[in-house]
PDB file of N, CA and C in Angstrom:
ATOM      1  N   MET A   1     -75.573  62.571  49.038  1.00  0.00           N
ATOM      2  CA  MET A   1     -74.827  61.331  49.075  1.00  0.00           C
ATOM      3  C   MET A   1     -74.979  60.706  50.457  1.00  0.00           C
ATOM      4  N   ASP A   2     -75.320  59.429  50.499  1.00  0.00           N
ATOM      5  CA  ASP A   2     -75.496  58.739  51.774  1.00  0.00           C
ATOM      6  C   ASP A   2     -74.155  58.428  52.403  1.00  0.00           C
ATOM      7  N   LYS A   3     -74.153  58.424  53.727  1.00  0.00           N
ATOM      8  CA  LYS A   3     -72.947  58.031  54.452  1.00  0.00           C
ATOM      9  C   LYS A   3     -72.891  56.514  54.505  1.00  0.00           C
ATOM     10  N   ILE A   4     -71.763  55.956  54.134  1.00  0.00           N
ATOM     11  CA  ILE A   4     -71.595  54.510  54.192  1.00  0.00           C
ATOM     12  C   ILE A   4     -70.953  54.119  55.515  1.00  0.00           C
ATOM     13  N   PHE A   5     -69.932  54.850  55.891  1.00  0.00           N
ATOM     14  CA  PHE A   5     -69.213  54.553  57.121  1.00  0.00           C
ATOM     15  C   PHE A   5     -69.465  55.663  58.123  1.00  0.00           C
ATOM     16  N   ASN A   6     -69.525  55.313  59.363  1.00  0.00           N
ATOM     17  CA  ASN A   6     -69.754  56.300  60.403  1.00  0.00           C
ATOM     18  C   ASN A   6     -68.467  56.492  61.195  1.00  0.00           C
ATOM     19  N   PHE A   7     -67.537  57.232  60.638  1.00  0.00           N
ATOM     20  CA  PHE A   7     -66.310  57.570  61.350  1.00  0.00           C
ATOM     21  C   PHE A   7     -65.906  58.977  60.954  1.00  0.00           C
ATOM     22  N   ALA A   8     -65.191  59.613  61.843  1.00  0.00           N
ATOM     23  CA  ALA A   8     -64.833  61.013  61.616  1.00  0.00           C
ATOM     24  C   ALA A   8     -63.349  61.130  61.292  1.00  0.00           C
ATOM     25  N   ILE A   9     -63.043  61.367  60.045  1.00  0.00           N
ATOM     26  CA  ILE A   9     -61.684  61.673  59.615  1.00  0.00           C
ATOM     27  C   ILE A   9     -61.774  62.991  58.871  1.00  0.00           C
ATOM     28  N   GLN A  10     -61.051  63.950  59.339  1.00  0.00           N
ATOM     29  CA  GLN A  10     -61.159  65.286  58.767  1.00  0.00           C
ATOM     30  C   GLN A  10     -60.669  65.338  57.321  1.00  0.00           C
ATOM     31  N   ASP A  11     -59.744  64.455  56.954  1.00  0.00           N
ATOM     32  CA  ASP A  11     -59.195  64.481  55.600  1.00  0.00           C
ATOM     33  C   ASP A  11     -60.187  63.966  54.560  1.00  0.00           C
ATOM     34  N   LEU A  12     -61.131  63.154  54.973  1.00  0.00           N
ATOM     35  CA  LEU A  12     -62.112  62.590  54.044  1.00  0.00           C
ATOM     36  C   LEU A  12     -63.442  63.320  54.219  1.00  0.00           C
ATOM     37  N   ASP A  13     -63.560  64.468  53.626  1.00  0.00           N
ATOM     38  CA  ASP A  13     -64.813  65.200  53.715  1.00  0.00           C
ATOM     39  C   ASP A  13     -65.561  65.090  52.387  1.00  0.00           C
ATOM     40  N   TYR A  14     -66.713  65.732  52.315  1.00  0.00           N
ATOM     41  CA  TYR A  14     -67.562  65.602  51.142  1.00  0.00           C
ATOM     42  C   TYR A  14     -67.426  66.760  50.171  1.00  0.00           C
ATOM     43  N   ASP A  15     -66.305  67.443  50.172  1.00  0.00           N
ATOM     44  CA  ASP A  15     -66.095  68.559  49.252  1.00  0.00           C
ATOM     45  C   ASP A  15     -65.498  68.012  47.957  1.00  0.00           C
ATOM     46  N   PHE A  16     -66.373  67.625  47.011  1.00  0.00           N
ATOM     47  CA  PHE A  16     -65.906  67.030  45.765  1.00  0.00           C
ATOM     48  C   PHE A  16     -65.711  68.067  44.663  1.00  0.00           C
ATOM     49  N   SER A  17     -65.939  69.329  44.963  1.00  0.00           N
ATOM     50  CA  SER A  17     -65.807  70.350  43.926  1.00  0.00           C
ATOM     51  C   SER A  17     -64.357  70.511  43.479  1.00  0.00           C
ATOM     52  N   SER A  18     -63.424  70.475  44.409  1.00  0.00           N
ATOM     53  CA  SER A  18     -62.002  70.572  44.055  1.00  0.00           C
ATOM     54  C   SER A  18     -61.178  69.711  45.007  1.00  0.00           C
ATOM     55  N   PRO A  19     -61.216  68.392  44.806  1.00  0.00           N
ATOM     56  CA  PRO A  19     -60.483  67.509  45.720  1.00  0.00           C
ATOM     57  C   PRO A  19     -58.976  67.649  45.527  1.00  0.00           C
ATOM     58  N   SER A  20     -58.264  67.506  46.615  1.00  0.00           N
ATOM     59  CA  SER A  20     -56.809  67.563  46.536  1.00  0.00           C
ATOM     60  C   SER A  20     -56.279  66.195  46.124  1.00  0.00           C
ATOM     61  N   PHE A  21     -55.023  66.157  45.753  1.00  0.00           N
ATOM     62  CA  PHE A  21     -54.399  64.890  45.371  1.00  0.00           C
ATOM     63  C   PHE A  21     -54.408  63.919  46.542  1.00  0.00           C
ATOM     64  N   ASP A  22     -54.193  64.431  47.752  1.00  0.00           N
ATOM     65  CA  ASP A  22     -54.179  63.578  48.939  1.00  0.00           C
ATOM     66  C   ASP A  22     -55.556  62.958  49.178  1.00  0.00           C
ATOM     67  N   GLN A  23     -56.630  63.735  48.967  1.00  0.00           N
ATOM     68  CA  GLN A  23     -57.980  63.194  49.120  1.00  0.00           C
ATOM     69  C   GLN A  23     -58.263  62.126  48.068  1.00  0.00           C
ATOM     70  N   LEU A  24     -57.814  62.363  46.843  1.00  0.00           N
ATOM     71  CA  LEU A  24     -57.995  61.356  45.790  1.00  0.00           C
ATOM     72  C   LEU A  24     -57.244  60.077  46.129  1.00  0.00           C
ATOM     73  N   ARG A  25     -56.022  60.213  46.614  1.00  0.00           N
ATOM     74  CA  ARG A  25     -55.209  59.052  46.964  1.00  0.00           C
ATOM     75  C   ARG A  25     -55.869  58.250  48.082  1.00  0.00           C
ATOM     76  N   LYS A  26     -56.343  58.948  49.120  1.00  0.00           N
ATOM     77  CA  LYS A  26     -56.994  58.255  50.235  1.00  0.00           C
ATOM     78  C   LYS A  26     -58.297  57.604  49.789  1.00  0.00           C
ATOM     79  N   GLY A  27     -59.043  58.271  48.929  1.00  0.00           N
ATOM     80  CA  GLY A  27     -60.272  57.685  48.411  1.00  0.00           C
ATOM     81  C   GLY A  27     -59.999  56.457  47.567  1.00  0.00           C
ATOM     82  N   ASN A  28     -58.951  56.504  46.751  1.00  0.00           N
ATOM     83  CA  ASN A  28     -58.586  55.349  45.935  1.00  0.00           C
ATOM     84  C   ASN A  28     -58.107  54.196  46.800  1.00  0.00           C
ATOM     85  N   LEU A  29     -57.344  54.497  47.845  1.00  0.00           N
ATOM     86  CA  LEU A  29     -56.883  53.441  48.744  1.00  0.00           C
ATOM     87  C   LEU A  29     -58.059  52.782  49.453  1.00  0.00           C
ATOM     88  N   LEU A  30     -59.042  53.581  49.862  1.00  0.00           N
ATOM     89  CA  LEU A  30     -60.229  53.032  50.508  1.00  0.00           C
ATOM     90  C   LEU A  30     -61.011  52.156  49.535  1.00  0.00           C
ATOM     91  N   ARG A  31     -61.147  52.607  48.292  1.00  0.00           N
ATOM     92  CA  ARG A  31     -61.853  51.827  47.272  1.00  0.00           C
ATOM     93  C   ARG A  31     -61.135  50.499  47.017  1.00  0.00           C
ATOM     94  N   ILE A  32     -59.811  50.534  46.923  1.00  0.00           N
ATOM     95  CA  ILE A  32     -59.033  49.312  46.699  1.00  0.00           C
ATOM     96  C   ILE A  32     -59.186  48.367  47.878  1.00  0.00           C
ATOM     97  N   TYR A  33     -59.131  48.903  49.097  1.00  0.00           N
ATOM     98  CA  TYR A  33     -59.275  48.073  50.291  1.00  0.00           C
ATOM     99  C   TYR A  33     -60.641  47.388  50.310  1.00  0.00           C
ATOM    100  N   ILE A  34     -61.698  48.139  50.007  1.00  0.00           N
ATOM    101  CA  ILE A  34     -63.043  47.564  50.008  1.00  0.00           C
ATOM    102  C   ILE A  34     -63.172  46.506  48.922  1.00  0.00           C
ATOM    103  N   LYS A  35     -62.607  46.773  47.733  1.00  0.00           N
ATOM    104  CA  LYS A  35     -62.664  45.797  46.647  1.00  0.00           C
ATOM    105  C   LYS A  35     -61.943  44.506  47.040  1.00  0.00           C
ATOM    106  N   GLU A  36     -60.754  44.629  47.638  1.00  0.00           N
ATOM    107  CA  GLU A  36     -60.011  43.444  48.073  1.00  0.00           C
ATOM    108  C   GLU A  36     -60.779  42.681  49.143  1.00  0.00           C
ATOM    109  N   LEU A  37     -61.427  43.397  50.059  1.00  0.00           N
ATOM    110  CA  LEU A  37     -62.206  42.754  51.108  1.00  0.00           C
ATOM    111  C   LEU A  37     -63.359  41.950  50.512  1.00  0.00           C
ATOM    112  N   VAL A  38     -64.053  42.534  49.544  1.00  0.00           N
ATOM    113  CA  VAL A  38     -65.176  41.846  48.897  1.00  0.00           C
ATOM    114  C   VAL A  38     -64.687  40.626  48.127  1.00  0.00           C
ATOM    115  N   VAL A  39     -63.591  40.777  47.375  1.00  0.00           N
ATOM    116  CA  VAL A  39     -63.042  39.657  46.607  1.00  0.00           C
ATOM    117  C   VAL A  39     -62.615  38.530  47.540  1.00  0.00           C
ATOM    118  N   ASN A  40     -61.983  38.870  48.656  1.00  0.00           N
ATOM    119  CA  ASN A  40     -61.560  37.846  49.612  1.00  0.00           C
ATOM    120  C   ASN A  40     -62.753  37.110  50.203  1.00  0.00           C
ATOM    121  N   GLU A  41     -63.826  37.831  50.527  1.00  0.00           N
ATOM    122  CA  GLU A  41     -65.017  37.193  51.087  1.00  0.00           C
ATOM    123  C   GLU A  41     -65.678  36.271  50.061  1.00  0.00           C
ATOM    124  N   ILE A  42     -65.770  36.717  48.811  1.00  0.00           N
ATOM    125  CA  ILE A  42     -66.363  35.883  47.762  1.00  0.00           C
ATOM    126  C   ILE A  42     -65.517  34.637  47.547  1.00  0.00           C
ATOM    127  N   THR A  43     -64.201  34.813  47.500  1.00  0.00           N
ATOM    128  CA  THR A  43     -63.296  33.681  47.304  1.00  0.00           C
ATOM    129  C   THR A  43     -63.396  32.706  48.465  1.00  0.00           C
ATOM    130  N   LYS A  44     -63.512  33.231  49.675  1.00  0.00           N
ATOM    131  CA  LYS A  44     -63.635  32.368  50.850  1.00  0.00           C
ATOM    132  C   LYS A  44     -64.904  31.533  50.755  1.00  0.00           C
ATOM    133  N   ASN A  45     -66.013  32.152  50.336  1.00  0.00           N
ATOM    134  CA  ASN A  45     -67.274  31.424  50.204  1.00  0.00           C
ATOM    135  C   ASN A  45     -67.180  30.357  49.129  1.00  0.00           C
ATOM    136  N   ILE A  46     -66.535  30.659  48.012  1.00  0.00           N
ATOM    137  CA  ILE A  46     -66.368  29.676  46.943  1.00  0.00           C
ATOM    138  C   ILE A  46     -65.521  28.517  47.435  1.00  0.00           C
ATOM    139  N   SER A  47     -64.465  28.819  48.171  1.00  0.00           N
ATOM    140  CA  SER A  47     -63.582  27.786  48.693  1.00  0.00           C
ATOM    141  C   SER A  47     -64.332  26.875  49.662  1.00  0.00           C
ATOM    142  N   ILE A  48     -65.165  27.452  50.521  1.00  0.00           N
ATOM    143  CA  ILE A  48     -65.934  26.650  51.474  1.00  0.00           C
ATOM    144  C   ILE A  48     -66.928  25.763  50.736  1.00  0.00           C
ATOM    145  N   GLU A  49     -67.584  26.295  49.714  1.00  0.00           N
ATOM    146  CA  GLU A  49     -68.528  25.492  48.937  1.00  0.00           C
ATOM    147  C   GLU A  49     -67.810  24.334  48.251  1.00  0.00           C
ATOM    148  N   LYS A  50     -66.622  24.598  47.711  1.00  0.00           N
ATOM    149  CA  LYS A  50     -65.854  23.546  47.045  1.00  0.00           C
ATOM    150  C   LYS A  50     -65.428  22.474  48.046  1.00  0.00           C
ATOM    151  N   GLN A  51     -64.992  22.888  49.228  1.00  0.00           N
ATOM    152  CA  GLN A  51     -64.591  21.925  50.249  1.00  0.00           C
ATOM    153  C   GLN A  51     -65.779  21.079  50.692  1.00  0.00           C
ATOM    154  N   LEU A  52     -66.951  21.698  50.803  1.00  0.00           N
ATOM    155  CA  LEU A  52     -68.156  20.967  51.191  1.00  0.00           C
ATOM    156  C   LEU A  52     -68.530  19.941  50.126  1.00  0.00           C
ATOM    157  N   GLU A  53     -68.456  20.326  48.865  1.00  0.00           N
ATOM    158  CA  GLU A  53     -68.748  19.384  47.781  1.00  0.00           C
ATOM    159  C   GLU A  53     -67.751  18.223  47.782  1.00  0.00           C
ATOM    160  N   ASN A  54     -66.476  18.522  47.998  1.00  0.00           N
ATOM    161  CA  ASN A  54     -65.463  17.463  48.061  1.00  0.00           C
ATOM    162  C   ASN A  54     -65.716  16.531  49.240  1.00  0.00           C
ATOM    163  N   ALA A  55     -66.105  17.088  50.379  1.00  0.00           N
ATOM    164  CA  ALA A  55     -66.391  16.266  51.557  1.00  0.00           C
ATOM    165  C   ALA A  55     -67.596  15.365  51.303  1.00  0.00           C
ATOM    166  N   LYS A  56     -68.650  15.904  50.671  1.00  0.00           N
ATOM    167  CA  LYS A  56     -69.822  15.089  50.340  1.00  0.00           C
ATOM    168  C   LYS A  56     -69.437  13.970  49.388  1.00  0.00           C
ATOM    169  N   SER A  57     -68.644  14.307  48.391  1.00  0.00           N
ATOM    170  CA  SER A  57     -68.219  13.314  47.409  1.00  0.00           C
ATOM    171  C   SER A  57     -67.428  12.198  48.076  1.00  0.00           C
ATOM    172  N   ASN A  58     -66.485  12.564  48.928  1.00  0.00           N
ATOM    173  CA  ASN A  58     -65.681  11.556  49.631  1.00  0.00           C
ATOM    174  C   ASN A  58     -66.537  10.721  50.574  1.00  0.00           C
ATOM    175  N   PHE A  59     -67.509  11.332  51.232  1.00  0.00           N
ATOM    176  CA  PHE A  59     -68.384  10.616  52.153  1.00  0.00           C
ATOM    177  C   PHE A  59     -69.195   9.560  51.412  1.00  0.00           C
ATOM    178  N   TYR A  60     -69.763   9.941  50.267  1.00  0.00           N
ATOM    179  CA  TYR A  60     -70.583   8.991  49.520  1.00  0.00           C
ATOM    180  C   TYR A  60     -69.732   7.918  48.862  1.00  0.00           C
ATOM    181  N   LYS A  61     -68.488   8.225  48.491  1.00  0.00           N
ATOM    182  CA  LYS A  61     -67.595   7.203  47.937  1.00  0.00           C
ATOM    183  C   LYS A  61     -67.277   6.152  48.990  1.00  0.00           C
ATOM    184  N   GLU A  62     -67.078   6.587  50.237  1.00  0.00           N
ATOM    185  CA  GLU A  62     -66.761   5.653  51.311  1.00  0.00           C
ATOM    186  C   GLU A  62     -67.962   4.795  51.666  1.00  0.00           C
ATOM    187  N   LYS A  63     -69.176   5.309  51.496  1.00  0.00           N
ATOM    188  CA  LYS A  63     -70.391   4.550  51.799  1.00  0.00           C
ATOM    189  C   LYS A  63     -70.616   3.425  50.797  1.00  0.00           C
ATOM    190  N   ILE A  64     -70.196   3.651  49.549  1.00  0.00           N
ATOM    191  CA  ILE A  64     -70.472   2.675  48.479  1.00  0.00           C
ATOM    192  C   ILE A  64     -69.517   1.550  48.499  1.00  0.00           C
TER     193      ILE A  64
END
């Protein structure tokens, strides 16, 4: 398994044979955090594109 993050936390090791409940909880929290981060970035990009389209539309309306 490739390392995605380069940080040392002893609680998050690669022993998946018998993970503890605490390891599962921390892994799920990390997964949720990453998912929220990705969704926020995608939403931000969509919002910027929409604002740009609105600005172009308003600019061309004022020119006409």
